[in-house]
PDB file of all heavy atoms in Angstrom:
ATOM      1  N   LEU A   1       0.831  -1.202   0.000  1.00  0.00           N
ATOM      2  CA  LEU A   1       0.000   0.000   0.000  1.00  0.00           C
ATOM      3  C   LEU A   1       0.872   1.260   0.000  1.00  0.00           C
ATOM      4  O   LEU A   1       0.591   2.218  -0.735  1.00  0.00           O
ATOM      5  CB  LEU A   1      -0.930  -0.003   1.212  1.00  0.00           C
ATOM      6  CG  LEU A   1      -2.087  -0.997   1.151  1.00  0.00           C
ATOM      7  CD1 LEU A   1      -2.745  -1.145   2.519  1.00  0.00           C
ATOM      8  CD2 LEU A   1      -3.115  -0.564   0.109  1.00  0.00           C
ATOM      9  N   GLY A   2       1.913   1.246   0.803  1.00  0.00           N
ATOM     10  CA  GLY A   2       2.833   2.380   0.834  1.00  0.00           C
ATOM     11  C   GLY A   2       3.460   2.626  -0.526  1.00  0.00           C
ATOM     12  O   GLY A   2       3.559   3.773  -0.986  1.00  0.00           O
ATOM     13  N   ALA A   3       3.866   1.544  -1.185  1.00  0.00           N
ATOM     14  CA  ALA A   3       4.503   1.654  -2.500  1.00  0.00           C
ATOM     15  C   ALA A   3       3.534   2.226  -3.534  1.00  0.00           C
ATOM     16  O   ALA A   3       3.913   3.057  -4.368  1.00  0.00           O
ATOM     17  CB  ALA A   3       5.007   0.286  -2.950  1.00  0.00           C
ATOM     18  N   TYR A   4       2.279   1.793  -3.476  1.00  0.00           N
ATOM     19  CA  TYR A   4       1.297   2.283  -4.448  1.00  0.00           C
ATOM     20  C   TYR A   4       1.038   3.778  -4.273  1.00  0.00           C
ATOM     21  O   TYR A   4       1.114   4.559  -5.236  1.00  0.00           O
ATOM     22  CB  TYR A   4      -0.020   1.517  -4.334  1.00  0.00           C
ATOM     23  CG  TYR A   4      -1.132   2.167  -5.111  1.00  0.00           C
ATOM     24  CD1 TYR A   4      -1.073   2.266  -6.507  1.00  0.00           C
ATOM     25  CD2 TYR A   4      -2.236   2.738  -4.458  1.00  0.00           C
ATOM     26  CE1 TYR A   4      -2.077   2.899  -7.230  1.00  0.00           C
ATOM     27  CE2 TYR A   4      -3.238   3.372  -5.176  1.00  0.00           C
ATOM     28  CZ  TYR A   4      -3.161   3.455  -6.556  1.00  0.00           C
ATOM     29  OH  TYR A   4      -4.152   4.090  -7.271  1.00  0.00           O
ATOM     30  N   PHE A   5       0.716   4.180  -3.059  1.00  0.00           N
ATOM     31  CA  PHE A   5       0.374   5.588  -2.846  1.00  0.00           C
ATOM     32  C   PHE A   5       1.572   6.503  -3.110  1.00  0.00           C
ATOM     33  O   PHE A   5       1.399   7.648  -3.537  1.00  0.00           O
ATOM     34  CB  PHE A   5      -0.177   5.793  -1.433  1.00  0.00           C
ATOM     35  CG  PHE A   5      -1.571   5.263  -1.266  1.00  0.00           C
ATOM     36  CD1 PHE A   5      -1.847   4.269  -0.341  1.00  0.00           C
ATOM     37  CD2 PHE A   5      -2.611   5.744  -2.055  1.00  0.00           C
ATOM     38  CE1 PHE A   5      -3.136   3.769  -0.193  1.00  0.00           C
ATOM     39  CE2 PHE A   5      -3.905   5.250  -1.922  1.00  0.00           C
ATOM     40  CZ  PHE A   5      -4.169   4.255  -0.994  1.00  0.00           C
ATOM     41  N   ALA A   6       2.774   6.004  -2.902  1.00  0.00           N
ATOM     42  CA  ALA A   6       3.968   6.812  -3.175  1.00  0.00           C
ATOM     43  C   ALA A   6       4.106   7.144  -4.656  1.00  0.00           C
ATOM     44  O   ALA A   6       4.734   8.155  -5.006  1.00  0.00           O
ATOM     45  CB  ALA A   6       5.209   6.080  -2.682  1.00  0.00           C
ATOM     46  N   THR A   7       3.537   6.323  -5.523  1.00  0.00           N
ATOM     47  CA  THR A   7       3.640   6.560  -6.972  1.00  0.00           C
ATOM     48  C   THR A   7       2.587   7.544  -7.488  1.00  0.00           C
ATOM     49  O   THR A   7       2.654   7.966  -8.643  1.00  0.00           O
ATOM     50  CB  THR A   7       3.483   5.246  -7.755  1.00  0.00           C
ATOM     51  OG1 THR A   7       2.151   4.733  -7.583  1.00  0.00           O
ATOM     52  CG2 THR A   7       4.498   4.201  -7.304  1.00  0.00           C
ATOM     53  N   GLN A   8       1.631   7.895  -6.655  1.00  0.00           N
ATOM     54  CA  GLN A   8       0.550   8.777  -7.088  1.00  0.00           C
ATOM     55  C   GLN A   8       0.908  10.244  -6.846  1.00  0.00           C
ATOM     56  O   GLN A   8       1.582  10.573  -5.861  1.00  0.00           O
ATOM     57  CB  GLN A   8      -0.748   8.430  -6.341  1.00  0.00           C
ATOM     58  CG  GLN A   8      -1.180   6.980  -6.488  1.00  0.00           C
ATOM     59  CD  GLN A   8      -1.336   6.574  -7.940  1.00  0.00           C
ATOM     60  OE1 GLN A   8      -2.185   7.100  -8.667  1.00  0.00           O
ATOM     61  NE2 GLN A   8      -0.508   5.631  -8.392  1.00  0.00           N
ATOM     62  N   ALA A   9       0.444  11.113  -7.734  1.00  0.00           N
ATOM     63  CA  ALA A   9       0.734  12.550  -7.608  1.00  0.00           C
ATOM     64  C   ALA A   9      -0.291  13.209  -6.700  1.00  0.00           C
ATOM     65  O   ALA A   9      -1.501  13.028  -6.875  1.00  0.00           O
ATOM     66  CB  ALA A   9       0.707  13.203  -8.987  1.00  0.00           C
ATOM     67  N   ILE A  10       0.188  13.974  -5.720  1.00  0.00           N
ATOM     68  CA  ILE A  10      -0.729  14.655  -4.811  1.00  0.00           C
ATOM     69  C   ILE A  10      -1.296  15.901  -5.486  1.00  0.00           C
ATOM     70  O   ILE A  10      -0.596  16.600  -6.232  1.00  0.00           O
ATOM     71  CB  ILE A  10      -0.034  15.026  -3.490  1.00  0.00           C
ATOM     72  CG1 ILE A  10      -1.067  15.471  -2.449  1.00  0.00           C
ATOM     73  CG2 ILE A  10       1.049  16.081  -3.690  1.00  0.00           C
ATOM     74  CD1 ILE A  10      -0.550  15.530  -1.037  1.00  0.00           C
ATOM     75  N   ALA A  11      -2.573  16.154  -5.258  1.00  0.00           N
ATOM     76  CA  ALA A  11      -3.233  17.301  -5.873  1.00  0.00           C
ATOM     77  C   ALA A  11      -2.815  18.589  -5.155  1.00  0.00           C
ATOM     78  O   ALA A  11      -2.886  18.661  -3.923  1.00  0.00           O
ATOM     79  CB  ALA A  11      -4.747  17.132  -5.799  1.00  0.00           C
ATOM     80  N   PRO A  12      -2.371  19.612  -5.904  1.00  0.00           N
ATOM     81  CA  PRO A  12      -1.960  20.882  -5.287  1.00  0.00           C
ATOM     82  C   PRO A  12      -3.128  21.560  -4.569  1.00  0.00           C
ATOM     83  O   PRO A  12      -4.280  21.445  -4.988  1.00  0.00           O
ATOM     84  CB  PRO A  12      -1.504  21.723  -6.481  1.00  0.00           C
ATOM     85  CG  PRO A  12      -1.196  20.732  -7.549  1.00  0.00           C
ATOM     86  CD  PRO A  12      -2.174  19.615  -7.356  1.00  0.00           C
ATOM     87  N   LYS A  13      -2.820  22.223  -3.485  1.00  0.00           N
ATOM     88  CA  LYS A  13      -3.832  22.960  -2.724  1.00  0.00           C
ATOM     89  C   LYS A  13      -3.248  24.315  -2.349  1.00  0.00           C
ATOM     90  O   LYS A  13      -2.033  24.484  -2.318  1.00  0.00           O
ATOM     91  CB  LYS A  13      -4.224  22.187  -1.457  1.00  0.00           C
ATOM     92  CG  LYS A  13      -4.746  20.781  -1.718  1.00  0.00           C
ATOM     93  CD  LYS A  13      -4.961  20.033  -0.416  1.00  0.00           C
ATOM     94  CE  LYS A  13      -5.333  18.580  -0.663  1.00  0.00           C
ATOM     95  NZ  LYS A  13      -4.196  17.813  -1.240  1.00  0.00           N
ATOM     96  N   GLY A  14      -4.103  25.248  -2.052  1.00  0.00           N
ATOM     97  CA  GLY A  14      -3.648  26.589  -1.705  1.00  0.00           C
ATOM     98  C   GLY A  14      -3.718  26.862  -0.217  1.00  0.00           C
ATOM     99  O   GLY A  14      -4.285  26.085   0.551  1.00  0.00           O
ATOM    100  N   ALA A  15      -3.128  27.982   0.179  1.00  0.00           N
ATOM    101  CA  ALA A  15      -3.138  28.411   1.576  1.00  0.00           C
ATOM    102  C   ALA A  15      -4.025  29.640   1.726  1.00  0.00           C
ATOM    103  O   ALA A  15      -4.241  30.388   0.772  1.00  0.00           O
ATOM    104  CB  ALA A  15      -1.721  28.726   2.036  1.00  0.00           C
ATOM    105  N   ASN A  16      -4.530  29.854   2.921  1.00  0.00           N
ATOM    106  CA  ASN A  16      -5.269  31.059   3.245  1.00  0.00           C
ATOM    107  C   ASN A  16      -4.278  32.228   3.223  1.00  0.00           C
ATOM    108  O   ASN A  16      -3.337  32.238   4.026  1.00  0.00           O
ATOM    109  CB  ASN A  16      -5.912  30.912   4.628  1.00  0.00           C
ATOM    110  CG  ASN A  16      -6.626  32.177   5.072  1.00  0.00           C
ATOM    111  OD1 ASN A  16      -6.633  33.194   4.387  1.00  0.00           O
ATOM    112  ND2 ASN A  16      -7.226  32.118   6.253  1.00  0.00           N
ATOM    113  N   PRO A  17      -4.466  33.198   2.331  1.00  0.00           N
ATOM    114  CA  PRO A  17      -3.504  34.305   2.227  1.00  0.00           C
ATOM    115  C   PRO A  17      -3.269  35.032   3.548  1.00  0.00           C
ATOM    116  O   PRO A  17      -2.170  35.528   3.808  1.00  0.00           O
ATOM    117  CB  PRO A  17      -4.155  35.243   1.193  1.00  0.00           C
ATOM    118  CG  PRO A  17      -5.055  34.363   0.399  1.00  0.00           C
ATOM    119  CD  PRO A  17      -5.565  33.326   1.366  1.00  0.00           C
ATOM    120  N   GLU A  18      -4.289  35.087   4.398  1.00  0.00           N
ATOM    121  CA  GLU A  18      -4.169  35.799   5.662  1.00  0.00           C
ATOM    122  C   GLU A  18      -3.288  35.051   6.667  1.00  0.00           C
ATOM    123  O   GLU A  18      -2.845  35.638   7.663  1.00  0.00           O
ATOM    124  CB  GLU A  18      -5.560  36.029   6.265  1.00  0.00           C
ATOM    125  CG  GLU A  18      -6.448  36.933   5.411  1.00  0.00           C
ATOM    126  CD  GLU A  18      -7.831  37.107   6.017  1.00  0.00           C
ATOM    127  OE1 GLU A  18      -8.082  36.535   7.117  1.00  0.00           O
ATOM    128  OE2 GLU A  18      -8.654  37.812   5.414  1.00  0.00           O
ATOM    129  N   ALA A  19      -3.058  33.756   6.397  1.00  0.00           N
ATOM    130  CA  ALA A  19      -2.279  32.943   7.337  1.00  0.00           C
ATOM    131  C   ALA A  19      -0.845  32.717   6.878  1.00  0.00           C
ATOM    132  O   ALA A  19      -0.032  32.195   7.644  1.00  0.00           O
ATOM    133  CB  ALA A  19      -2.968  31.591   7.544  1.00  0.00           C
ATOM    134  N   VAL A  20      -0.537  33.113   5.650  1.00  0.00           N
ATOM    135  CA  VAL A  20       0.767  32.790   5.074  1.00  0.00           C
ATOM    136  C   VAL A  20       1.926  33.391   5.859  1.00  0.00           C
ATOM    137  O   VAL A  20       2.916  32.707   6.140  1.00  0.00           O
ATOM    138  CB  VAL A  20       0.836  33.224   3.590  1.00  0.00           C
ATOM    139  CG1 VAL A  20       2.268  33.147   3.074  1.00  0.00           C
ATOM    140  CG2 VAL A  20      -0.074  32.347   2.743  1.00  0.00           C
ATOM    141  N   GLU A  21       1.825  34.642   6.225  1.00  0.00           N
ATOM    142  CA  GLU A  21       2.950  35.310   6.902  1.00  0.00           C
ATOM    143  C   GLU A  21       3.311  34.602   8.215  1.00  0.00           C
ATOM    144  O   GLU A  21       4.474  34.286   8.471  1.00  0.00           O
ATOM    145  CB  GLU A  21       2.621  36.777   7.174  1.00  0.00           C
ATOM    146  CG  GLU A  21       3.780  37.532   7.813  1.00  0.00           C
ATOM    147  CD  GLU A  21       3.466  39.008   8.033  1.00  0.00           C
ATOM    148  OE1 GLU A  21       2.422  39.486   7.553  1.00  0.00           O
ATOM    149  OE2 GLU A  21       4.282  39.677   8.708  1.00  0.00           O
ATOM    150  N   THR A  22       2.303  34.338   9.027  1.00  0.00           N
ATOM    151  CA  THR A  22       2.560  33.667  10.310  1.00  0.00           C
ATOM    152  C   THR A  22       3.015  32.241  10.103  1.00  0.00           C
ATOM    153  O   THR A  22       3.981  31.779  10.724  1.00  0.00           O
ATOM    154  CB  THR A  22       1.281  33.682  11.179  1.00  0.00           C
ATOM    155  OG1 THR A  22       0.909  35.026  11.452  1.00  0.00           O
ATOM    156  CG2 THR A  22       1.513  32.937  12.494  1.00  0.00           C
ATOM    157  N   GLY A  23       2.324  31.537   9.214  1.00  0.00           N
ATOM    158  CA  GLY A  23       2.672  30.146   8.952  1.00  0.00           C
ATOM    159  C   GLY A  23       4.079  29.983   8.411  1.00  0.00           C
ATOM    160  O   GLY A  23       4.830  29.107   8.843  1.00  0.00           O
ATOM    161  N   GLU A  24       4.448  30.844   7.475  1.00  0.00           N
ATOM    162  CA  GLU A  24       5.787  30.768   6.884  1.00  0.00           C
ATOM    163  C   GLU A  24       6.859  31.091   7.919  1.00  0.00           C
ATOM    164  O   GLU A  24       7.916  30.451   7.952  1.00  0.00           O
ATOM    165  CB  GLU A  24       5.899  31.725   5.696  1.00  0.00           C
ATOM    166  CG  GLU A  24       7.234  31.644   4.996  1.00  0.00           C
ATOM    167  CD  GLU A  24       7.304  32.507   3.748  1.00  0.00           C
ATOM    168  OE1 GLU A  24       6.517  33.482   3.652  1.00  0.00           O
ATOM    169  OE2 GLU A  24       8.116  32.203   2.852  1.00  0.00           O
ATOM    170  N   ARG A  25       6.587  32.079   8.760  1.00  0.00           N
ATOM    171  CA  ARG A  25       7.567  32.472   9.775  1.00  0.00           C
ATOM    172  C   ARG A  25       7.873  31.295  10.714  1.00  0.00           C
ATOM    173  O   ARG A  25       9.035  31.006  11.012  1.00  0.00           O
ATOM    174  CB  ARG A  25       7.038  33.669  10.573  1.00  0.00           C
ATOM    175  CG  ARG A  25       7.924  34.074  11.747  1.00  0.00           C
ATOM    176  CD  ARG A  25       7.428  35.353  12.403  1.00  0.00           C
ATOM    177  NE  ARG A  25       6.029  35.294  12.779  1.00  0.00           N
ATOM    178  CZ  ARG A  25       5.582  34.721  13.905  1.00  0.00           C
ATOM    179  NH1 ARG A  25       6.440  34.141  14.738  1.00  0.00           N
ATOM    180  NH2 ARG A  25       4.292  34.721  14.191  1.00  0.00           N
ATOM    181  N   ILE A  26       6.819  30.602  11.142  1.00  0.00           N
ATOM    182  CA  ILE A  26       7.025  29.470  12.058  1.00  0.00           C
ATOM    183  C   ILE A  26       7.658  28.296  11.322  1.00  0.00           C
ATOM    184  O   ILE A  26       8.582  27.659  11.842  1.00  0.00           O
ATOM    185  CB  ILE A  26       5.683  29.038  12.693  1.00  0.00           C
ATOM    186  CG1 ILE A  26       5.098  30.181  13.518  1.00  0.00           C
ATOM    187  CG2 ILE A  26       5.878  27.794  13.565  1.00  0.00           C
ATOM    188  CD1 ILE A  26       3.681  29.927  14.001  1.00  0.00           C
ATOM    189  N   TYR A  27       7.170  28.020  10.125  1.00  0.00           N
ATOM    190  CA  TYR A  27       7.688  26.874   9.367  1.00  0.00           C
ATOM    191  C   TYR A  27       9.175  27.028   9.091  1.00  0.00           C
ATOM    192  O   TYR A  27       9.954  26.090   9.258  1.00  0.00           O
ATOM    193  CB  TYR A  27       6.924  26.713   8.048  1.00  0.00           C
ATOM    194  CG  TYR A  27       7.318  25.461   7.296  1.00  0.00           C
ATOM    195  CD1 TYR A  27       6.670  24.258   7.523  1.00  0.00           C
ATOM    196  CD2 TYR A  27       8.361  25.487   6.378  1.00  0.00           C
ATOM    197  CE1 TYR A  27       7.048  23.096   6.864  1.00  0.00           C
ATOM    198  CE2 TYR A  27       8.754  24.337   5.713  1.00  0.00           C
ATOM    199  CZ  TYR A  27       8.091  23.143   5.960  1.00  0.00           C
ATOM    200  OH  TYR A  27       8.485  21.986   5.296  1.00  0.00           O
ATOM    201  N   ARG A  28       9.577  28.213   8.677  1.00  0.00           N
ATOM    202  CA  ARG A  28      10.961  28.418   8.250  1.00  0.00           C
ATOM    203  C   ARG A  28      11.906  28.838   9.382  1.00  0.00           C
ATOM    204  O   ARG A  28      13.101  28.528   9.322  1.00  0.00           O
ATOM    205  CB  ARG A  28      11.020  29.445   7.115  1.00  0.00           C
ATOM    206  CG  ARG A  28      10.271  28.972   5.878  1.00  0.00           C
ATOM    207  CD  ARG A  28      10.498  29.853   4.670  1.00  0.00           C
ATOM    208  NE  ARG A  28       9.808  29.303   3.511  1.00  0.00           N
ATOM    209  CZ  ARG A  28      10.265  28.297   2.763  1.00  0.00           C
ATOM    210  NH1 ARG A  28      11.438  27.752   3.054  1.00  0.00           N
ATOM    211  NH2 ARG A  28       9.578  27.842   1.737  1.00  0.00           N
ATOM    212  N   GLY A  29      11.387  29.497  10.385  1.00  0.00           N
ATOM    213  CA  GLY A  29      12.280  30.000  11.430  1.00  0.00           C
ATOM    214  C   GLY A  29      11.954  29.545  12.835  1.00  0.00           C
ATOM    215  O   GLY A  29      12.725  29.807  13.765  1.00  0.00           O
ATOM    216  N   GLY A  30      10.800  28.884  13.001  1.00  0.00           N
ATOM    217  CA  GLY A  30      10.378  28.505  14.334  1.00  0.00           C
ATOM    218  C   GLY A  30      10.070  29.736  15.166  1.00  0.00           C
ATOM    219  O   GLY A  30       9.875  30.844  14.643  1.00  0.00           O
ATOM    220  N   ILE A  31      10.033  29.568  16.478  1.00  0.00           N
ATOM    221  CA  ILE A  31       9.870  30.693  17.397  1.00  0.00           C
ATOM    222  C   ILE A  31      10.940  30.519  18.477  1.00  0.00           C
ATOM    223  O   ILE A  31      10.703  29.917  19.528  1.00  0.00           O
ATOM    224  CB  ILE A  31       8.456  30.721  18.022  1.00  0.00           C
ATOM    225  CG1 ILE A  31       7.382  30.661  16.924  1.00  0.00           C
ATOM    226  CG2 ILE A  31       8.266  31.983  18.874  1.00  0.00           C
ATOM    227  CD1 ILE A  31       5.954  30.628  17.449  1.00  0.00           C
ATOM    228  N   PRO A  32      12.151  31.004  18.194  1.00  0.00           N
ATOM    229  CA  PRO A  32      13.297  30.767  19.080  1.00  0.00           C
ATOM    230  C   PRO A  32      13.070  31.167  20.530  1.00  0.00           C
ATOM    231  O   PRO A  32      13.494  30.455  21.447  1.00  0.00           O
ATOM    232  CB  PRO A  32      14.406  31.615  18.442  1.00  0.00           C
ATOM    233  CG  PRO A  32      14.008  31.736  17.009  1.00  0.00           C
ATOM    234  CD  PRO A  32      12.520  31.802  17.012  1.00  0.00           C
ATOM    235  N   GLU A  33      12.378  32.289  20.735  1.00  0.00           N
ATOM    236  CA  GLU A  33      12.194  32.768  22.111  1.00  0.00           C
ATOM    237  C   GLU A  33      11.304  31.844  22.940  1.00  0.00           C
ATOM    238  O   GLU A  33      11.296  31.911  24.171  1.00  0.00           O
ATOM    239  CB  GLU A  33      11.626  34.196  22.119  1.00  0.00           C
ATOM    240  CG  GLU A  33      10.256  34.353  21.499  1.00  0.00           C
ATOM    241  CD  GLU A  33      10.284  34.603  19.994  1.00  0.00           C
ATOM    242  OE1 GLU A  33      11.311  34.267  19.359  1.00  0.00           O
ATOM    243  OE2 GLU A  33       9.294  35.140  19.470  1.00  0.00           O
ATOM    244  N   ARG A  34      10.567  30.943  22.256  1.00  0.00           N
ATOM    245  CA  ARG A  34       9.722  29.963  22.970  1.00  0.00           C
ATOM    246  C   ARG A  34      10.213  28.541  22.726  1.00  0.00           C
ATOM    247  O   ARG A  34       9.502  27.579  22.990  1.00  0.00           O
ATOM    248  CB  ARG A  34       8.261  30.127  22.538  1.00  0.00           C
ATOM    249  CG  ARG A  34       7.620  31.370  23.152  1.00  0.00           C
ATOM    250  CD  ARG A  34       6.310  31.776  22.521  1.00  0.00           C
ATOM    251  NE  ARG A  34       5.432  30.681  22.233  1.00  0.00           N
ATOM    252  CZ  ARG A  34       4.505  30.722  21.254  1.00  0.00           C
ATOM    253  NH1 ARG A  34       4.385  31.810  20.499  1.00  0.00           N
ATOM    254  NH2 ARG A  34       3.724  29.704  21.031  1.00  0.00           N
ATOM    255  N   ASN A  35      11.422  28.430  22.223  1.00  0.00           N
ATOM    256  CA  ASN A  35      12.047  27.114  21.982  1.00  0.00           C
ATOM    257  C   ASN A  35      11.247  26.234  21.029  1.00  0.00           C
ATOM    258  O   ASN A  35      11.222  25.006  21.172  1.00  0.00           O
ATOM    259  CB  ASN A  35      12.273  26.368  23.309  1.00  0.00           C
ATOM    260  CG  ASN A  35      13.252  27.086  24.205  1.00  0.00           C
ATOM    261  OD1 ASN A  35      14.289  27.561  23.754  1.00  0.00           O
ATOM    262  ND2 ASN A  35      12.916  27.190  25.489  1.00  0.00           N
ATOM    263  N   ILE A  36      10.605  26.873  20.043  1.00  0.00           N
ATOM    264  CA  ILE A  36       9.852  26.130  19.034  1.00  0.00           C
ATOM    265  C   ILE A  36      10.731  25.995  17.791  1.00  0.00           C
ATOM    266  O   ILE A  36      11.124  26.991  17.192  1.00  0.00           O
ATOM    267  CB  ILE A  36       8.532  26.835  18.683  1.00  0.00           C
ATOM    268  CG1 ILE A  36       7.619  26.876  19.917  1.00  0.00           C
ATOM    269  CG2 ILE A  36       7.837  26.137  17.525  1.00  0.00           C
ATOM    270  CD1 ILE A  36       6.336  27.649  19.718  1.00  0.00           C
ATOM    271  N   ALA A  37      11.047  24.760  17.447  1.00  0.00           N
ATOM    272  CA  ALA A  37      11.936  24.491  16.312  1.00  0.00           C
ATOM    273  C   ALA A  37      11.232  24.758  14.983  1.00  0.00           C
ATOM    274  O   ALA A  37      10.012  24.651  14.868  1.00  0.00           O
ATOM    275  CB  ALA A  37      12.406  23.042  16.360  1.00  0.00           C
TER     276      ALA A  37
END
């Protein structure tokens, strides 16, 4: 099952534009002052 699903292409999805700034900041830089990687 793992092998089969790995061969399938995932459908692209979008992000909420209002959440991108916060989401990107945490995803790429974490929150160092709160020890969030």
